[in-house]
Amino acid sequence: MIDRDAVRHTFVVGLRNAHAMEHQALSLMDRQIEHLAHYVEVETRLRSHRGETELQIERLRSILEGLGEGPSTLKDLTLELGANLQELAHMMAPDEIIKNCLANYAFENFEAASYRALLVMADAGGFTDATPLLEQSLHEEEAMVAFVEQTLPQVVRRYLALRASGDEASH
């Protein structure tokens, strides 16, 4: 038999981690959006997903508050700092856009997996009020995964064409 208190504790930790993860995502997107002059479709989608991410943060906060809990400011700040450092490293690379696309693909899949795990925890703990909110966030992350997967070949081809013509291609 599953100990409901243990499930609740794990669920709260997972929600706090997801909250921090979404703050990290905002930092990553903000840095990338600034550097996408040649990749308008990526910029447009990142701006749209940024709005979704803000809603995901609110959903997570709502679930936490419903449990009488709150987010972890330390986790939020730590992951935001990590995102900023990652983006600074990518900005120095001549193939910044490609590195960002690969990192985004990995990160979006990580986010989707995190929501899947939270849904299992919600089910195991009987936290049914959280399910529709987590499912909405999962669907948004899966849509972003599909976008990155579908546009990666176009982005790489555009990058190669710009490089071949001598134009700025990294972003």
Protein backbone atom coordinates (compact mmCIF):
# COMPACT_ATOMS: atom_id res chain seq x y z
CA MET A 1 0.00 0.00 0.00
CA ILE A 2 1.23 3.49 -0.88
CA ASP A 3 1.80 5.93 1.96
CA ARG A 4 -0.28 9.00 1.01
CA ASP A 5 2.00 11.34 3.02
CA ALA A 6 5.05 10.08 1.15
CA VAL A 7 3.25 10.54 -2.17
CA ARG A 8 2.16 14.04 -1.15
CA HIS A 9 5.72 14.96 -0.17
CA THR A 10 7.11 13.65 -3.47
CA PHE A 11 4.34 15.41 -5.39
CA VAL A 12 5.07 18.75 -3.69
CA VAL A 13 8.79 18.40 -4.38
CA GLY A 14 8.00 17.56 -8.01
CA LEU A 15 5.69 20.57 -8.31
CA ARG A 16 8.37 22.85 -6.87
CA ASN A 17 10.92 21.38 -9.27
CA ALA A 18 8.54 21.92 -12.19
CA HIS A 19 7.91 25.51 -11.08
CA ALA A 20 11.66 26.15 -11.05
CA MET A 21 12.02 24.34 -14.38
CA GLU A 22 9.44 26.66 -15.96
CA HIS A 23 11.28 29.70 -14.61
CA GLN A 24 14.40 28.27 -16.22
CA ALA A 25 12.47 27.91 -19.47
CA LEU A 26 11.45 31.59 -19.35
CA SER A 27 15.08 32.62 -18.97
CA LEU A 28 16.16 30.39 -21.84
CA MET A 29 13.43 31.72 -24.13
CA ASP A 30 14.06 35.36 -23.23
CA ARG A 31 17.72 35.08 -24.22
CA GLN A 32 16.91 33.23 -27.44
CA ILE A 33 14.12 35.55 -28.56
CA GLU A 34 16.61 38.43 -28.57
CA HIS A 35 18.78 36.63 -31.16
CA LEU A 36 16.52 35.29 -33.90
CA ALA A 37 16.64 37.84 -36.72
CA HIS A 38 16.98 35.16 -39.42
CA TYR A 39 14.61 32.64 -37.85
CA VAL A 40 11.28 34.44 -37.54
CA GLU A 41 9.15 31.28 -37.22
CA VAL A 42 11.26 30.16 -34.25
CA GLU A 43 10.99 33.59 -32.64
CA THR A 44 7.22 33.66 -33.14
CA ARG A 45 6.75 30.20 -31.64
CA LEU A 46 9.06 30.95 -28.70
CA ARG A 47 7.07 34.11 -27.94
CA SER A 48 3.86 32.07 -28.01
CA HIS A 49 5.36 29.33 -25.84
CA ARG A 50 6.64 31.96 -23.43
CA GLY A 51 3.02 32.92 -22.80
CA GLU A 52 2.12 29.26 -22.29
CA THR A 53 5.01 28.92 -19.85
CA GLU A 54 3.76 31.84 -17.78
CA LEU A 55 0.39 30.07 -17.56
CA GLN A 56 2.12 26.82 -16.61
CA ILE A 57 3.84 28.62 -13.73
CA GLU A 58 0.47 29.92 -12.56
CA ARG A 59 -1.05 26.43 -12.81
CA LEU A 60 1.79 24.97 -10.74
CA ARG A 61 1.47 27.76 -8.18
CA SER A 62 -2.30 27.10 -7.99
CA ILE A 63 -1.76 23.39 -7.39
CA LEU A 64 0.84 24.12 -4.71
CA GLU A 65 -1.45 26.64 -3.00
CA GLY A 66 -4.28 24.09 -3.10
CA LEU A 67 -2.00 21.81 -1.11
CA GLY A 68 -1.16 24.59 1.34
CA GLU A 69 2.34 24.86 -0.12
CA GLY A 70 4.36 27.31 -2.21
CA PRO A 71 7.20 27.30 -4.72
CA SER A 72 10.87 27.19 -3.76
CA THR A 73 12.45 30.59 -4.40
CA LEU A 74 15.93 29.07 -4.10
CA LYS A 75 15.19 26.43 -6.77
CA ASP A 76 13.62 29.07 -9.03
CA LEU A 77 16.65 31.37 -8.79
CA THR A 78 19.20 28.56 -9.12
CA LEU A 79 17.68 27.19 -12.33
CA GLU A 80 17.25 30.70 -13.79
CA LEU A 81 20.95 31.33 -13.19
CA GLY A 82 21.82 28.03 -14.86
CA ALA A 83 19.69 28.95 -17.87
CA ASN A 84 21.43 32.30 -18.21
CA LEU A 85 24.85 30.67 -18.08
CA GLN A 86 23.83 28.10 -20.71
CA GLU A 87 22.56 30.80 -23.04
CA LEU A 88 25.72 32.87 -22.59
CA ALA A 89 27.76 29.84 -23.65
CA HIS A 90 25.56 29.31 -26.72
CA MET A 91 25.76 33.00 -27.69
CA MET A 92 29.52 32.63 -28.13
CA ALA A 93 29.12 29.75 -30.57
CA PRO A 94 29.08 30.41 -34.32
CA ASP A 95 26.19 27.94 -34.63
CA GLU A 96 24.13 29.38 -31.77
CA ILE A 97 20.78 28.67 -33.45
CA ILE A 98 21.58 24.99 -33.97
CA LYS A 99 22.81 24.56 -30.40
CA ASN A 100 19.68 26.28 -29.11
CA CYS A 101 17.41 24.06 -31.23
CA LEU A 102 19.10 20.92 -29.92
CA ALA A 103 18.95 22.18 -26.33
CA ASN A 104 15.29 23.18 -26.77
CA TYR A 105 14.42 19.72 -28.08
CA ALA A 106 16.02 18.09 -25.06
CA PHE A 107 14.55 20.59 -22.60
CA GLU A 108 11.00 20.40 -23.99
CA ASN A 109 11.11 16.59 -23.80
CA PHE A 110 12.36 16.87 -20.21
CA GLU A 111 9.45 19.19 -19.38
CA ALA A 112 6.93 16.80 -20.96
CA ALA A 113 8.40 13.88 -19.01
CA SER A 114 8.20 15.93 -15.81
CA TYR A 115 4.50 16.57 -16.35
CA ARG A 116 3.91 12.88 -17.09
CA ALA A 117 5.58 11.98 -13.78
CA LEU A 118 3.52 14.60 -11.93
CA LEU A 119 0.35 13.13 -13.42
CA VAL A 120 1.29 9.69 -12.09
CA MET A 121 1.94 11.19 -8.65
CA ALA A 122 -1.37 13.09 -8.74
CA ASP A 123 -3.18 9.88 -9.58
CA ALA A 124 -1.38 7.84 -6.92
CA GLY A 125 -2.07 10.46 -4.26
CA GLY A 126 -5.65 11.18 -5.26
CA PHE A 127 -4.87 14.81 -6.15
CA THR A 128 -7.48 14.84 -8.89
CA ASP A 129 -7.89 18.64 -8.92
CA ALA A 130 -4.34 18.88 -10.27
CA THR A 131 -4.89 16.48 -13.19
CA PRO A 132 -6.52 18.83 -15.74
CA LEU A 133 -3.98 21.57 -15.02
CA LEU A 134 -1.04 19.19 -15.44
CA GLU A 135 -2.57 17.67 -18.57
CA GLN A 136 -2.91 21.14 -20.14
CA SER A 137 0.76 21.87 -19.47
CA LEU A 138 1.75 18.45 -20.82
CA HIS A 139 -0.14 19.09 -24.07
CA GLU A 140 1.58 22.46 -24.47
CA GLU A 141 5.00 20.90 -23.96
CA GLU A 142 4.24 18.08 -26.39
CA ALA A 143 3.18 20.66 -28.99
CA MET A 144 6.46 22.51 -28.48
CA VAL A 145 8.43 19.26 -28.85
CA ALA A 146 6.64 18.65 -32.16
CA PHE A 147 7.40 22.20 -33.35
CA VAL A 148 11.11 21.91 -32.58
CA GLU A 149 11.27 18.48 -34.21
CA GLN A 150 9.46 19.68 -37.34
CA THR A 151 11.43 22.91 -37.76
CA LEU A 152 14.91 21.59 -36.97
CA PRO A 153 15.64 20.57 -40.59
CA GLN A 154 14.48 23.98 -41.88
CA VAL A 155 16.58 25.83 -39.32
CA VAL A 156 19.69 23.80 -40.14
CA ARG A 157 19.19 24.31 -43.89
CA ARG A 158 18.70 28.05 -43.44
CA TYR A 159 21.79 28.21 -41.25
CA LEU A 160 23.85 26.37 -43.87
CA ALA A 161 22.55 28.59 -46.69
CA LEU A 162 23.31 31.78 -44.75
CA ARG A 163 26.80 30.55 -43.88
CA ALA A 164 27.44 29.59 -47.50
CA SER A 165 26.47 33.08 -48.67
CA GLY A 166 28.68 34.71 -46.06
CA ASP A 167 25.77 36.19 -44.09
CA GLU A 168 25.36 36.12 -40.31
CA ALA A 169 23.79 32.75 -39.63
CA SER A 170 24.20 32.02 -35.95
CA HIS A 171 21.04 33.82 -34.99
